[in-house]
Amino acid sequence: MRHCIETVAQGDLYIRRIGSLPNDCVQVPATNGRHILAHSETGHHHVMLAKRVTVHRSPTDDGKLLRLFFEVTGDEPVALEHLRPFDTHEPIMFRPGFYEARRQREYTPDGSRTVAD
């Protein structure tokens, strides 16, 4: 299990610690007690338990590039988990604080594209 210090990646997500939430972000409701930070095409999402995490999105996010913000509260770290029983990404622990999550991009001879996980 890894701990996020300043920046970290899990699958197609790139996450960095930030000082505070942007003023214009909008809170995103949890689904079944979890926040899905990245949807997987196969249903193996990247999730965090909603008990001590609030997730927000940028009002300019069209859903294609993904730009989310989240806050971890309390005294203990919270895990970002990949819901796949095989070839899964190692959970990453996030200490209390504010974070920005973006979908990673990769560059090809034809231009840039979203990383697939």
PDB file of N, CA and C in Angstrom:
ATOM      1  N   MET A   1       0.842  -1.170   0.000  1.00  0.00           N
ATOM      2  CA  MET A   1       0.000   0.000   0.000  1.00  0.00           C
ATOM      3  C   MET A   1       0.894   1.241   0.000  1.00  0.00           C
ATOM      4  N   ARG A   2       0.596   2.153  -0.906  1.00  0.00           N
ATOM      5  CA  ARG A   2       1.378   3.382  -1.018  1.00  0.00           C
ATOM      6  C   ARG A   2       0.650   4.530  -0.329  1.00  0.00           C
ATOM      7  N   HIS A   3       1.414   5.523   0.099  1.00  0.00           N
ATOM      8  CA  HIS A   3       0.860   6.754   0.659  1.00  0.00           C
ATOM      9  C   HIS A   3       1.148   7.894  -0.304  1.00  0.00           C
ATOM     10  N   CYS A   4       0.137   8.703  -0.570  1.00  0.00           N
ATOM     11  CA  CYS A   4       0.308   9.861  -1.439  1.00  0.00           C
ATOM     12  C   CYS A   4       0.952  10.986  -0.641  1.00  0.00           C
ATOM     13  N   ILE A   5       2.037  11.508  -1.145  1.00  0.00           N
ATOM     14  CA  ILE A   5       2.698  12.637  -0.501  1.00  0.00           C
ATOM     15  C   ILE A   5       2.331  13.923  -1.243  1.00  0.00           C
ATOM     16  N   GLU A   6       2.704  14.046  -2.496  1.00  0.00           N
ATOM     17  CA  GLU A   6       2.362  15.226  -3.292  1.00  0.00           C
ATOM     18  C   GLU A   6       1.661  14.848  -4.593  1.00  0.00           C
ATOM     19  N   THR A   7       2.191  13.866  -5.321  1.00  0.00           N
ATOM     20  CA  THR A   7       1.570  13.408  -6.565  1.00  0.00           C
ATOM     21  C   THR A   7       1.650  11.892  -6.642  1.00  0.00           C
ATOM     22  N   VAL A   8       0.663  11.306  -7.322  1.00  0.00           N
ATOM     23  CA  VAL A   8       0.624   9.859  -7.461  1.00  0.00           C
ATOM     24  C   VAL A   8      -0.274   9.518  -8.652  1.00  0.00           C
ATOM     25  N   ALA A   9      -0.080   8.342  -9.212  1.00  0.00           N
ATOM     26  CA  ALA A   9      -0.934   7.881 -10.308  1.00  0.00           C
ATOM     27  C   ALA A   9      -1.456   6.491  -9.972  1.00  0.00           C
ATOM     28  N   GLN A  10      -2.686   6.232 -10.398  1.00  0.00           N
ATOM     29  CA  GLN A  10      -3.264   4.898 -10.284  1.00  0.00           C
ATOM     30  C   GLN A  10      -4.053   4.664 -11.564  1.00  0.00           C
ATOM     31  N   GLY A  11      -3.575   3.732 -12.389  1.00  0.00           N
ATOM     32  CA  GLY A  11      -4.239   3.473 -13.658  1.00  0.00           C
ATOM     33  C   GLY A  11      -4.258   4.724 -14.509  1.00  0.00           C
ATOM     34  N   ASP A  12      -5.443   5.146 -14.904  1.00  0.00           N
ATOM     35  CA  ASP A  12      -5.563   6.329 -15.758  1.00  0.00           C
ATOM     36  C   ASP A  12      -5.746   7.617 -14.966  1.00  0.00           C
ATOM     37  N   LEU A  13      -5.612   7.561 -13.638  1.00  0.00           N
ATOM     38  CA  LEU A  13      -5.743   8.753 -12.793  1.00  0.00           C
ATOM     39  C   LEU A  13      -4.386   9.319 -12.399  1.00  0.00           C
ATOM     40  N   TYR A  14      -4.294  10.645 -12.430  1.00  0.00           N
ATOM     41  CA  TYR A  14      -3.149  11.375 -11.898  1.00  0.00           C
ATOM     42  C   TYR A  14      -3.696  12.262 -10.797  1.00  0.00           C
ATOM     43  N   ILE A  15      -3.131  12.169  -9.592  1.00  0.00           N
ATOM     44  CA  ILE A  15      -3.657  12.892  -8.435  1.00  0.00           C
ATOM     45  C   ILE A  15      -2.535  13.695  -7.793  1.00  0.00           C
ATOM     46  N   ARG A  16      -2.867  14.944  -7.450  1.00  0.00           N
ATOM     47  CA  ARG A  16      -1.885  15.787  -6.766  1.00  0.00           C
ATOM     48  C   ARG A  16      -2.546  16.482  -5.591  1.00  0.00           C
ATOM     49  N   ARG A  17      -1.747  16.719  -4.562  1.00  0.00           N
ATOM     50  CA  ARG A  17      -2.228  17.440  -3.378  1.00  0.00           C
ATOM     51  C   ARG A  17      -2.297  18.924  -3.715  1.00  0.00           C
ATOM     52  N   ILE A  18      -3.362  19.598  -3.243  1.00  0.00           N
ATOM     53  CA  ILE A  18      -3.529  21.029  -3.472  1.00  0.00           C
ATOM     54  C   ILE A  18      -3.818  21.706  -2.134  1.00  0.00           C
ATOM     55  N   GLY A  19      -3.748  23.036  -2.109  1.00  0.00           N
ATOM     56  CA  GLY A  19      -3.929  23.779  -0.864  1.00  0.00           C
ATOM     57  C   GLY A  19      -5.369  23.904  -0.406  1.00  0.00           C
ATOM     58  N   SER A  20      -6.310  24.010  -1.361  1.00  0.00           N
ATOM     59  CA  SER A  20      -7.723  24.154  -1.016  1.00  0.00           C
ATOM     60  C   SER A  20      -8.572  23.839  -2.243  1.00  0.00           C
ATOM     61  N   LEU A  21      -9.862  23.692  -2.021  1.00  0.00           N
ATOM     62  CA  LEU A  21     -10.780  23.451  -3.129  1.00  0.00           C
ATOM     63  C   LEU A  21     -11.009  24.754  -3.893  1.00  0.00           C
ATOM     64  N   PRO A  22     -11.164  24.689  -5.215  1.00  0.00           N
ATOM     65  CA  PRO A  22     -11.522  25.897  -5.966  1.00  0.00           C
ATOM     66  C   PRO A  22     -12.884  26.411  -5.510  1.00  0.00           C
ATOM     67  N   ASN A  23     -13.082  27.716  -5.576  1.00  0.00           N
ATOM     68  CA  ASN A  23     -14.335  28.319  -5.118  1.00  0.00           C
ATOM     69  C   ASN A  23     -15.549  27.900  -5.932  1.00  0.00           C
ATOM     70  N   ASP A  24     -15.369  27.615  -7.214  1.00  0.00           N
ATOM     71  CA  ASP A  24     -16.511  27.362  -8.085  1.00  0.00           C
ATOM     72  C   ASP A  24     -16.854  25.888  -8.255  1.00  0.00           C
ATOM     73  N   CYS A  25     -16.218  24.989  -7.511  1.00  0.00           N
ATOM     74  CA  CYS A  25     -16.493  23.567  -7.718  1.00  0.00           C
ATOM     75  C   CYS A  25     -17.840  23.167  -7.103  1.00  0.00           C
ATOM     76  N   VAL A  26     -18.392  22.072  -7.637  1.00  0.00           N
ATOM     77  CA  VAL A  26     -19.720  21.592  -7.273  1.00  0.00           C
ATOM     78  C   VAL A  26     -19.584  20.211  -6.638  1.00  0.00           C
ATOM     79  N   GLN A  27     -20.239  19.998  -5.495  1.00  0.00           N
ATOM     80  CA  GLN A  27     -20.141  18.707  -4.812  1.00  0.00           C
ATOM     81  C   GLN A  27     -20.831  17.612  -5.613  1.00  0.00           C
ATOM     82  N   VAL A  28     -20.208  16.433  -5.636  1.00  0.00           N
ATOM     83  CA  VAL A  28     -20.716  15.266  -6.351  1.00  0.00           C
ATOM     84  C   VAL A  28     -21.237  14.267  -5.316  1.00  0.00           C
ATOM     85  N   PRO A  29     -22.468  13.764  -5.479  1.00  0.00           N
ATOM     86  CA  PRO A  29     -22.987  12.802  -4.504  1.00  0.00           C
ATOM     87  C   PRO A  29     -22.299  11.441  -4.621  1.00  0.00           C
ATOM     88  N   ALA A  30     -22.248  10.740  -3.511  1.00  0.00           N
ATOM     89  CA  ALA A  30     -21.694   9.383  -3.495  1.00  0.00           C
ATOM     90  C   ALA A  30     -22.711   8.408  -4.071  1.00  0.00           C
ATOM     91  N   THR A  31     -22.220   7.246  -4.489  1.00  0.00           N
ATOM     92  CA  THR A  31     -23.062   6.165  -4.998  1.00  0.00           C
ATOM     93  C   THR A  31     -22.844   4.942  -4.119  1.00  0.00           C
ATOM     94  N   ASN A  32     -23.877   4.498  -3.438  1.00  0.00           N
ATOM     95  CA  ASN A  32     -23.786   3.314  -2.568  1.00  0.00           C
ATOM     96  C   ASN A  32     -22.630   3.412  -1.569  1.00  0.00           C
ATOM     97  N   GLY A  33     -22.454   4.605  -0.969  1.00  0.00           N
ATOM     98  CA  GLY A  33     -21.443   4.778   0.061  1.00  0.00           C
ATOM     99  C   GLY A  33     -20.031   4.958  -0.455  1.00  0.00           C
ATOM    100  N   ARG A  34     -19.875   5.093  -1.774  1.00  0.00           N
ATOM    101  CA  ARG A  34     -18.547   5.261  -2.376  1.00  0.00           C
ATOM    102  C   ARG A  34     -18.560   6.412  -3.370  1.00  0.00           C
ATOM    103  N   HIS A  35     -17.398   6.999  -3.519  1.00  0.00           N
ATOM    104  CA  HIS A  35     -17.194   7.985  -4.577  1.00  0.00           C
ATOM    105  C   HIS A  35     -16.388   7.304  -5.671  1.00  0.00           C
ATOM    106  N   ILE A  36     -16.869   7.367  -6.886  1.00  0.00           N
ATOM    107  CA  ILE A  36     -16.137   6.828  -8.028  1.00  0.00           C
ATOM    108  C   ILE A  36     -15.315   7.963  -8.617  1.00  0.00           C
ATOM    109  N   LEU A  37     -13.990   7.861  -8.497  1.00  0.00           N
ATOM    110  CA  LEU A  37     -13.122   8.895  -9.055  1.00  0.00           C
ATOM    111  C   LEU A  37     -12.901   8.679 -10.540  1.00  0.00           C
ATOM    112  N   ALA A  38     -12.913   7.437 -10.984  1.00  0.00           N
ATOM    113  CA  ALA A  38     -12.774   7.142 -12.412  1.00  0.00           C
ATOM    114  C   ALA A  38     -13.584   5.895 -12.728  1.00  0.00           C
ATOM    115  N   HIS A  39     -14.453   6.020 -13.708  1.00  0.00           N
ATOM    116  CA  HIS A  39     -15.231   4.883 -14.179  1.00  0.00           C
ATOM    117  C   HIS A  39     -14.382   4.045 -15.114  1.00  0.00           C
ATOM    118  N   SER A  40     -14.495   2.749 -14.988  1.00  0.00           N
ATOM    119  CA  SER A  40     -13.796   1.833 -15.878  1.00  0.00           C
ATOM    120  C   SER A  40     -14.779   1.308 -16.908  1.00  0.00           C
ATOM    121  N   GLU A  41     -14.280   1.097 -18.112  1.00  0.00           N
ATOM    122  CA  GLU A  41     -15.117   0.550 -19.169  1.00  0.00           C
ATOM    123  C   GLU A  41     -15.617  -0.852 -18.808  1.00  0.00           C
ATOM    124  N   THR A  42     -14.875  -1.551 -17.951  1.00  0.00           N
ATOM    125  CA  THR A  42     -15.229  -2.918 -17.571  1.00  0.00           C
ATOM    126  C   THR A  42     -15.921  -2.994 -16.214  1.00  0.00           C
ATOM    127  N   GLY A  43     -16.209  -1.838 -15.589  1.00  0.00           N
ATOM    128  CA  GLY A  43     -16.880  -1.834 -14.295  1.00  0.00           C
ATOM    129  C   GLY A  43     -15.944  -1.913 -13.106  1.00  0.00           C
ATOM    130  N   HIS A  44     -14.647  -1.922 -13.354  1.00  0.00           N
ATOM    131  CA  HIS A  44     -13.659  -1.984 -12.276  1.00  0.00           C
ATOM    132  C   HIS A  44     -13.200  -0.564 -11.941  1.00  0.00           C
ATOM    133  N   HIS A  45     -14.056   0.146 -11.234  1.00  0.00           N
ATOM    134  CA  HIS A  45     -13.854   1.563 -10.961  1.00  0.00           C
ATOM    135  C   HIS A  45     -12.769   1.816  -9.922  1.00  0.00           C
ATOM    136  N   HIS A  46     -12.299   3.068  -9.880  1.00  0.00           N
ATOM    137  CA  HIS A  46     -11.368   3.549  -8.866  1.00  0.00           C
ATOM    138  C   HIS A  46     -12.223   4.305  -7.853  1.00  0.00           C
ATOM    139  N   VAL A  47     -12.286   3.809  -6.605  1.00  0.00           N
ATOM    140  CA  VAL A  47     -13.248   4.342  -5.642  1.00  0.00           C
ATOM    141  C   VAL A  47     -12.618   4.671  -4.291  1.00  0.00           C
ATOM    142  N   MET A  48     -13.338   5.546  -3.552  1.00  0.00           N
ATOM    143  CA  MET A  48     -13.004   5.866  -2.167  1.00  0.00           C
ATOM    144  C   MET A  48     -14.292   5.813  -1.358  1.00  0.00           C
ATOM    145  N   LEU A  49     -14.201   5.332  -0.122  1.00  0.00           N
ATOM    146  CA  LEU A  49     -15.375   5.305   0.742  1.00  0.00           C
ATOM    147  C   LEU A  49     -15.799   6.729   1.065  1.00  0.00           C
ATOM    148  N   ALA A  50     -17.089   6.987   1.021  1.00  0.00           N
ATOM    149  CA  ALA A  50     -17.617   8.344   1.179  1.00  0.00           C
ATOM    150  C   ALA A  50     -17.678   8.824   2.625  1.00  0.00           C
ATOM    151  N   LYS A  51     -17.447   7.937   3.575  1.00  0.00           N
ATOM    152  CA  LYS A  51     -17.596   8.298   4.981  1.00  0.00           C
ATOM    153  C   LYS A  51     -16.755   9.514   5.370  1.00  0.00           C
ATOM    154  N   ARG A  52     -15.525   9.604   4.861  1.00  0.00           N
ATOM    155  CA  ARG A  52     -14.636  10.723   5.215  1.00  0.00           C
ATOM    156  C   ARG A  52     -14.071  11.438   3.995  1.00  0.00           C
ATOM    157  N   VAL A  53     -14.752  11.292   2.863  1.00  0.00           N
ATOM    158  CA  VAL A  53     -14.293  11.934   1.636  1.00  0.00           C
ATOM    159  C   VAL A  53     -15.459  12.676   0.991  1.00  0.00           C
ATOM    160  N   THR A  54     -15.222  13.914   0.584  1.00  0.00           N
ATOM    161  CA  THR A  54     -16.186  14.635  -0.247  1.00  0.00           C
ATOM    162  C   THR A  54     -15.519  14.873  -1.590  1.00  0.00           C
ATOM    163  N   VAL A  55     -16.303  14.718  -2.649  1.00  0.00           N
ATOM    164  CA  VAL A  55     -15.784  14.882  -4.006  1.00  0.00           C
ATOM    165  C   VAL A  55     -16.510  16.042  -4.664  1.00  0.00           C
ATOM    166  N   HIS A  56     -15.773  16.811  -5.427  1.00  0.00           N
ATOM    167  CA  HIS A  56     -16.299  17.980  -6.131  1.00  0.00           C
ATOM    168  C   HIS A  56     -15.788  17.928  -7.570  1.00  0.00           C
ATOM    169  N   ARG A  57     -16.515  18.558  -8.479  1.00  0.00           N
ATOM    170  CA  ARG A  57     -16.061  18.644  -9.865  1.00  0.00           C
ATOM    171  C   ARG A  57     -15.991  20.106 -10.276  1.00  0.00           C
ATOM    172  N   SER A  58     -15.179  20.336 -11.266  1.00  0.00           N
ATOM    173  CA  SER A  58     -15.093  21.662 -11.843  1.00  0.00           C
ATOM    174  C   SER A  58     -16.338  21.888 -12.693  1.00  0.00           C
ATOM    175  N   PRO A  59     -16.966  23.052 -12.619  1.00  0.00           N
ATOM    176  CA  PRO A  59     -18.157  23.296 -13.435  1.00  0.00           C
ATOM    177  C   PRO A  59     -17.841  23.317 -14.930  1.00  0.00           C
ATOM    178  N   THR A  60     -16.576  23.454 -15.289  1.00  0.00           N
ATOM    179  CA  THR A  60     -16.192  23.444 -16.703  1.00  0.00           C
ATOM    180  C   THR A  60     -15.826  22.051 -17.202  1.00  0.00           C
ATOM    181  N   ASP A  61     -15.850  21.051 -16.325  1.00  0.00           N
ATOM    182  CA  ASP A  61     -15.505  19.680 -16.720  1.00  0.00           C
ATOM    183  C   ASP A  61     -16.621  19.110 -17.579  1.00  0.00           C
ATOM    184  N   ASP A  62     -16.282  18.730 -18.796  1.00  0.00           N
ATOM    185  CA  ASP A  62     -17.280  18.147 -19.696  1.00  0.00           C
ATOM    186  C   ASP A  62     -17.350  16.631 -19.570  1.00  0.00           C
ATOM    187  N   GLY A  63     -16.572  16.054 -18.645  1.00  0.00           N
ATOM    188  CA  GLY A  63     -16.584  14.615 -18.443  1.00  0.00           C
ATOM    189  C   GLY A  63     -15.590  13.870 -19.304  1.00  0.00           C
ATOM    190  N   LYS A  64     -15.049  14.500 -20.331  1.00  0.00           N
ATOM    191  CA  LYS A  64     -14.113  13.825 -21.227  1.00  0.00           C
ATOM    192  C   LYS A  64     -12.707  13.790 -20.642  1.00  0.00           C
ATOM    193  N   LEU A  65     -12.268  14.903 -20.077  1.00  0.00           N
ATOM    194  CA  LEU A  65     -10.914  14.962 -19.537  1.00  0.00           C
ATOM    195  C   LEU A  65     -10.868  14.645 -18.059  1.00  0.00           C
ATOM    196  N   LEU A  66     -11.979  14.722 -17.375  1.00  0.00           N
ATOM    197  CA  LEU A  66     -12.095  14.451 -15.945  1.00  0.00           C
ATOM    198  C   LEU A  66     -11.212  15.384 -15.127  1.00  0.00           C
ATOM    199  N   ARG A  67     -11.851  16.192 -14.353  1.00  0.00           N
ATOM    200  CA  ARG A  67     -11.155  17.042 -13.382  1.00  0.00           C
ATOM    201  C   ARG A  67     -12.010  17.066 -12.133  1.00  0.00           C
ATOM    202  N   LEU A  68     -11.577  16.301 -11.142  1.00  0.00           N
ATOM    203  CA  LEU A  68     -12.276  16.216  -9.870  1.00  0.00           C
ATOM    204  C   LEU A  68     -11.378  16.737  -8.760  1.00  0.00           C
ATOM    205  N   PHE A  69     -12.024  17.137  -7.672  1.00  0.00           N
ATOM    206  CA  PHE A  69     -11.319  17.547  -6.469  1.00  0.00           C
ATOM    207  C   PHE A  69     -11.914  16.754  -5.314  1.00  0.00           C
ATOM    208  N   PHE A  70     -11.089  16.377  -4.354  1.00  0.00           N
ATOM    209  CA  PHE A  70     -11.655  15.698  -3.186  1.00  0.00           C
ATOM    210  C   PHE A  70     -10.949  16.131  -1.924  1.00  0.00           C
ATOM    211  N   GLU A  71     -11.695  16.027  -0.832  1.00  0.00           N
ATOM    212  CA  GLU A  71     -11.169  16.360   0.487  1.00  0.00           C
ATOM    213  C   GLU A  71     -11.284  15.137   1.372  1.00  0.00           C
ATOM    214  N   VAL A  72     -10.199  14.794   2.032  1.00  0.00           N
ATOM    215  CA  VAL A  72     -10.171  13.722   3.021  1.00  0.00           C
ATOM    216  C   VAL A  72     -10.194  14.394   4.386  1.00  0.00           C
ATOM    217  N   THR A  73     -11.129  13.979   5.245  1.00  0.00           N
ATOM    218  CA  THR A  73     -11.249  14.566   6.580  1.00  0.00           C
ATOM    219  C   THR A  73     -10.931  13.519   7.640  1.00  0.00           C
ATOM    220  N   GLY A  74     -10.817  13.952   8.871  1.00  0.00           N
ATOM    221  CA  GLY A  74     -10.540  13.048   9.983  1.00  0.00           C
ATOM    222  C   GLY A  74      -9.051  12.977  10.272  1.00  0.00           C
ATOM    223  N   ASP A  75      -8.667  11.968  11.033  1.00  0.00           N
ATOM    224  CA  ASP A  75      -7.274  11.828  11.463  1.00  0.00           C
ATOM    225  C   ASP A  75      -6.500  10.748  10.720  1.00  0.00           C
ATOM    226  N   GLU A  76      -7.191   9.821  10.092  1.00  0.00           N
ATOM    227  CA  GLU A  76      -6.548   8.672   9.457  1.00  0.00           C
ATOM    228  C   GLU A  76      -6.623   8.769   7.937  1.00  0.00           C
ATOM    229  N   PRO A  77      -5.651   8.168   7.230  1.00  0.00           N
ATOM    230  CA  PRO A  77      -5.703   8.136   5.770  1.00  0.00           C
ATOM    231  C   PRO A  77      -6.895   7.323   5.263  1.00  0.00           C
ATOM    232  N   VAL A  78      -7.304   7.615   4.026  1.00  0.00           N
ATOM    233  CA  VAL A  78      -8.390   6.904   3.350  1.00  0.00           C
ATOM    234  C   VAL A  78      -7.830   6.324   2.058  1.00  0.00           C
ATOM    235  N   ALA A  79      -8.240   5.094   1.719  1.00  0.00           N
ATOM    236  CA  ALA A  79      -7.705   4.396   0.550  1.00  0.00           C
ATOM    237  C   ALA A  79      -8.472   4.714  -0.730  1.00  0.00           C
ATOM    238  N   LEU A  80      -7.722   4.833  -1.806  1.00  0.00           N
ATOM    239  CA  LEU A  80      -8.267   4.817  -3.160  1.00  0.00           C
ATOM    240  C   LEU A  80      -8.047   3.398  -3.644  1.00  0.00           C
ATOM    241  N   GLU A  81      -9.137   2.710  -3.981  1.00  0.00           N
ATOM    242  CA  GLU A  81      -9.043   1.303  -4.360  1.00  0.00           C
ATOM    243  C   GLU A  81      -9.501   1.094  -5.793  1.00  0.00           C
ATOM    244  N   HIS A  82      -8.937   0.081  -6.413  1.00  0.00           N
ATOM    245  CA  HIS A  82      -9.309  -0.324  -7.764  1.00  0.00           C
ATOM    246  C   HIS A  82     -10.132  -1.599  -7.622  1.00  0.00           C
ATOM    247  N   LEU A  83     -11.383  -1.562  -8.045  1.00  0.00           N
ATOM    248  CA  LEU A  83     -12.302  -2.681  -7.830  1.00  0.00           C
ATOM    249  C   LEU A  83     -12.163  -3.750  -8.911  1.00  0.00           C
ATOM    250  N   ARG A  84     -11.071  -4.469  -8.846  1.00  0.00           N
ATOM    251  CA  ARG A  84     -10.861  -5.582  -9.767  1.00  0.00           C
ATOM    252  C   ARG A  84     -10.178  -6.695  -8.990  1.00  0.00           C
ATOM    253  N   PRO A  85     -10.648  -7.940  -9.109  1.00  0.00           N
ATOM    254  CA  PRO A  85     -10.085  -9.026  -8.321  1.00  0.00           C
ATOM    255  C   PRO A  85      -8.737  -9.554  -8.828  1.00  0.00           C
ATOM    256  N   PHE A  86      -8.309  -9.152 -10.026  1.00  0.00           N
ATOM    257  CA  PHE A  86      -7.048  -9.624 -10.588  1.00  0.00           C
ATOM    258  C   PHE A  86      -6.347  -8.442 -11.254  1.00  0.00           C
ATOM    259  N   ASP A  87      -5.024  -8.529 -11.366  1.00  0.00           N
ATOM    260  CA  ASP A  87      -4.234  -7.465 -11.989  1.00  0.00           C
ATOM    261  C   ASP A  87      -4.679  -6.077 -11.533  1.00  0.00           C
ATOM    262  N   THR A  88      -4.935  -5.955 -10.259  1.00  0.00           N
ATOM    263  CA  THR A  88      -5.439  -4.689  -9.718  1.00  0.00           C
ATOM    264  C   THR A  88      -4.293  -3.741  -9.382  1.00  0.00           C
ATOM    265  N   HIS A  89      -4.618  -2.469  -9.290  1.00  0.00           N
ATOM    266  CA  HIS A  89      -3.643  -1.486  -8.845  1.00  0.00           C
ATOM    267  C   HIS A  89      -3.600  -1.520  -7.318  1.00  0.00           C
ATOM    268  N   GLU A  90      -2.430  -1.324  -6.773  1.00  0.00           N
ATOM    269  CA  GLU A  90      -2.263  -1.292  -5.322  1.00  0.00           C
ATOM    270  C   GLU A  90      -3.054  -0.114  -4.738  1.00  0.00           C
ATOM    271  N   PRO A  91      -3.760  -0.302  -3.599  1.00  0.00           N
ATOM    272  CA  PRO A  91      -4.460   0.825  -2.974  1.00  0.00           C
ATOM    273  C   PRO A  91      -3.473   1.938  -2.613  1.00  0.00           C
ATOM    274  N   ILE A  92      -3.961   3.174  -2.680  1.00  0.00           N
ATOM    275  CA  ILE A  92      -3.154   4.329  -2.304  1.00  0.00           C
ATOM    276  C   ILE A  92      -3.861   5.029  -1.152  1.00  0.00           C
ATOM    277  N   MET A  93      -3.123   5.328  -0.102  1.00  0.00           N
ATOM    278  CA  MET A  93      -3.682   5.982   1.072  1.00  0.00           C
ATOM    279  C   MET A  93      -3.483   7.496   0.971  1.00  0.00           C
ATOM    280  N   PHE A  94      -4.566   8.234   1.249  1.00  0.00           N
ATOM    281  CA  PHE A  94      -4.529   9.687   1.207  1.00  0.00           C
ATOM    282  C   PHE A  94      -4.761  10.243   2.602  1.00  0.00           C
ATOM    283  N   ARG A  95      -3.812  11.040   3.056  1.00  0.00           N
ATOM    284  CA  ARG A  95      -3.934  11.696   4.354  1.00  0.00           C
ATOM    285  C   ARG A  95      -4.970  12.819   4.261  1.00  0.00           C
ATOM    286  N   PRO A  96      -5.484  13.279   5.393  1.00  0.00           N
ATOM    287  CA  PRO A  96      -6.431  14.396   5.358  1.00  0.00           C
ATOM    288  C   PRO A  96      -5.856  15.582   4.585  1.00  0.00           C
ATOM    289  N   GLY A  97      -6.695  16.179   3.765  1.00  0.00           N
ATOM    290  CA  GLY A  97      -6.274  17.315   2.952  1.00  0.00           C
ATOM    291  C   GLY A  97      -7.079  17.394   1.670  1.00  0.00           C
ATOM    292  N   PHE A  98      -6.629  18.235   0.755  1.00  0.00           N
ATOM    293  CA  PHE A  98      -7.312  18.493  -0.509  1.00  0.00           C
ATOM    294  C   PHE A  98      -6.480  17.949  -1.674  1.00  0.00           C
ATOM    295  N   TYR A  99      -7.169  17.406  -2.673  1.00  0.00           N
ATOM    296  CA  TYR A  99      -6.498  16.787  -3.811  1.00  0.00           C
ATOM    297  C   TYR A  99      -7.240  17.094  -5.107  1.00  0.00           C
ATOM    298  N   GLU A 100      -6.498  17.091  -6.204  1.00  0.00           N
ATOM    299  CA  GLU A 100      -7.067  17.214  -7.534  1.00  0.00           C
ATOM    300  C   GLU A 100      -6.775  15.918  -8.282  1.00  0.00           C
ATOM    301  N   ALA A 101      -7.801  15.369  -8.948  1.00  0.00           N
ATOM    302  CA  ALA A 101      -7.649  14.144  -9.736  1.00  0.00           C
ATOM    303  C   ALA A 101      -7.972  14.454 -11.192  1.00  0.00           C
ATOM    304  N   ARG A 102      -7.096  14.022 -12.079  1.00  0.00           N
ATOM    305  CA  ARG A 102      -7.304  14.211 -13.515  1.00  0.00           C
ATOM    306  C   ARG A 102      -7.059  12.894 -14.233  1.00  0.00           C
ATOM    307  N   ARG A 103      -7.726  12.738 -15.350  1.00  0.00           N
ATOM    308  CA  ARG A 103      -7.468  11.581 -16.190  1.00  0.00           C
ATOM    309  C   ARG A 103      -6.145  11.840 -16.918  1.00  0.00           C
ATOM    310  N   GLN A 104      -5.270  10.845 -16.901  1.00  0.00           N
ATOM    311  CA  GLN A 104      -3.987  10.997 -17.567  1.00  0.00           C
ATOM    312  C   GLN A 104      -4.163  11.007 -19.085  1.00  0.00           C
ATOM    313  N   ARG A 105      -3.267  11.702 -19.753  1.00  0.00           N
ATOM    314  CA  ARG A 105      -3.238  11.767 -21.209  1.00  0.00           C
ATOM    315  C   ARG A 105      -1.935  11.136 -21.681  1.00  0.00           C
ATOM    316  N   GLU A 106      -1.968  10.561 -22.860  1.00  0.00           N
ATOM    317  CA  GLU A 106      -0.745  10.045 -23.452  1.00  0.00           C
ATOM    318  C   GLU A 106      -0.642  10.580 -24.879  1.00  0.00           C
ATOM    319  N   TYR A 107       0.572  10.687 -25.350  1.00  0.00           N
ATOM    320  CA  TYR A 107       0.803  11.257 -26.671  1.00  0.00           C
ATOM    321  C   TYR A 107       1.188  10.165 -27.651  1.00  0.00           C
ATOM    322  N   THR A 108       0.580  10.208 -28.816  1.00  0.00           N
ATOM    323  CA  THR A 108       0.824   9.233 -29.879  1.00  0.00           C
ATOM    324  C   THR A 108       1.193  10.013 -31.144  1.00  0.00           C
ATOM    325  N   PRO A 109       1.649   9.332 -32.184  1.00  0.00           N
ATOM    326  CA  PRO A 109       1.931  10.043 -33.440  1.00  0.00           C
ATOM    327  C   PRO A 109       0.702  10.767 -34.011  1.00  0.00           C
ATOM    328  N   ASP A 110      -0.496  10.317 -33.641  1.00  0.00           N
ATOM    329  CA  ASP A 110      -1.720  10.950 -34.126  1.00  0.00           C
ATOM    330  C   ASP A 110      -2.231  12.063 -33.216  1.00  0.00           C
ATOM    331  N   GLY A 111      -1.552  12.330 -32.130  1.00  0.00           N
ATOM    332  CA  GLY A 111      -1.973  13.360 -31.192  1.00  0.00           C
ATOM    333  C   GLY A 111      -2.161  12.780 -29.802  1.00  0.00           C
ATOM    334  N   SER A 112      -2.754  13.577 -28.909  1.00  0.00           N
ATOM    335  CA  SER A 112      -2.948  13.101 -27.538  1.00  0.00           C
ATOM    336  C   SER A 112      -4.270  12.373 -27.408  1.00  0.00           C
ATOM    337  N   ARG A 113      -4.334  11.478 -26.411  1.00  0.00           N
ATOM    338  CA  ARG A 113      -5.565  10.747 -26.116  1.00  0.00           C
ATOM    339  C   ARG A 113      -5.600  10.428 -24.636  1.00  0.00           C
ATOM    340  N   THR A 114      -6.793  10.116 -24.167  1.00  0.00           N
ATOM    341  CA  THR A 114      -6.983   9.729 -22.781  1.00  0.00           C
ATOM    342  C   THR A 114      -6.395   8.347 -22.552  1.00  0.00           C
ATOM    343  N   VAL A 115      -5.681   8.177 -21.444  1.00  0.00           N
ATOM    344  CA  VAL A 115      -5.124   6.873 -21.095  1.00  0.00           C
ATOM    345  C   VAL A 115      -6.260   5.927 -20.763  1.00  0.00           C
ATOM    346  N   ALA A 116      -6.220   4.723 -21.298  1.00  0.00           N
ATOM    347  CA  ALA A 116      -7.217   3.687 -20.988  1.00  0.00           C
ATOM    348  C   ALA A 116      -6.641   2.774 -19.930  1.00  0.00           C
ATOM    349  N   ASP A 117      -7.471   2.386 -18.968  1.00  0.00           N
ATOM    350  CA  ASP A 117      -7.009   1.522 -17.887  1.00  0.00           C
ATOM    351  C   ASP A 117      -7.709   0.192 -17.982  1.00  0.00           C
TER     352      ASP A 117
END
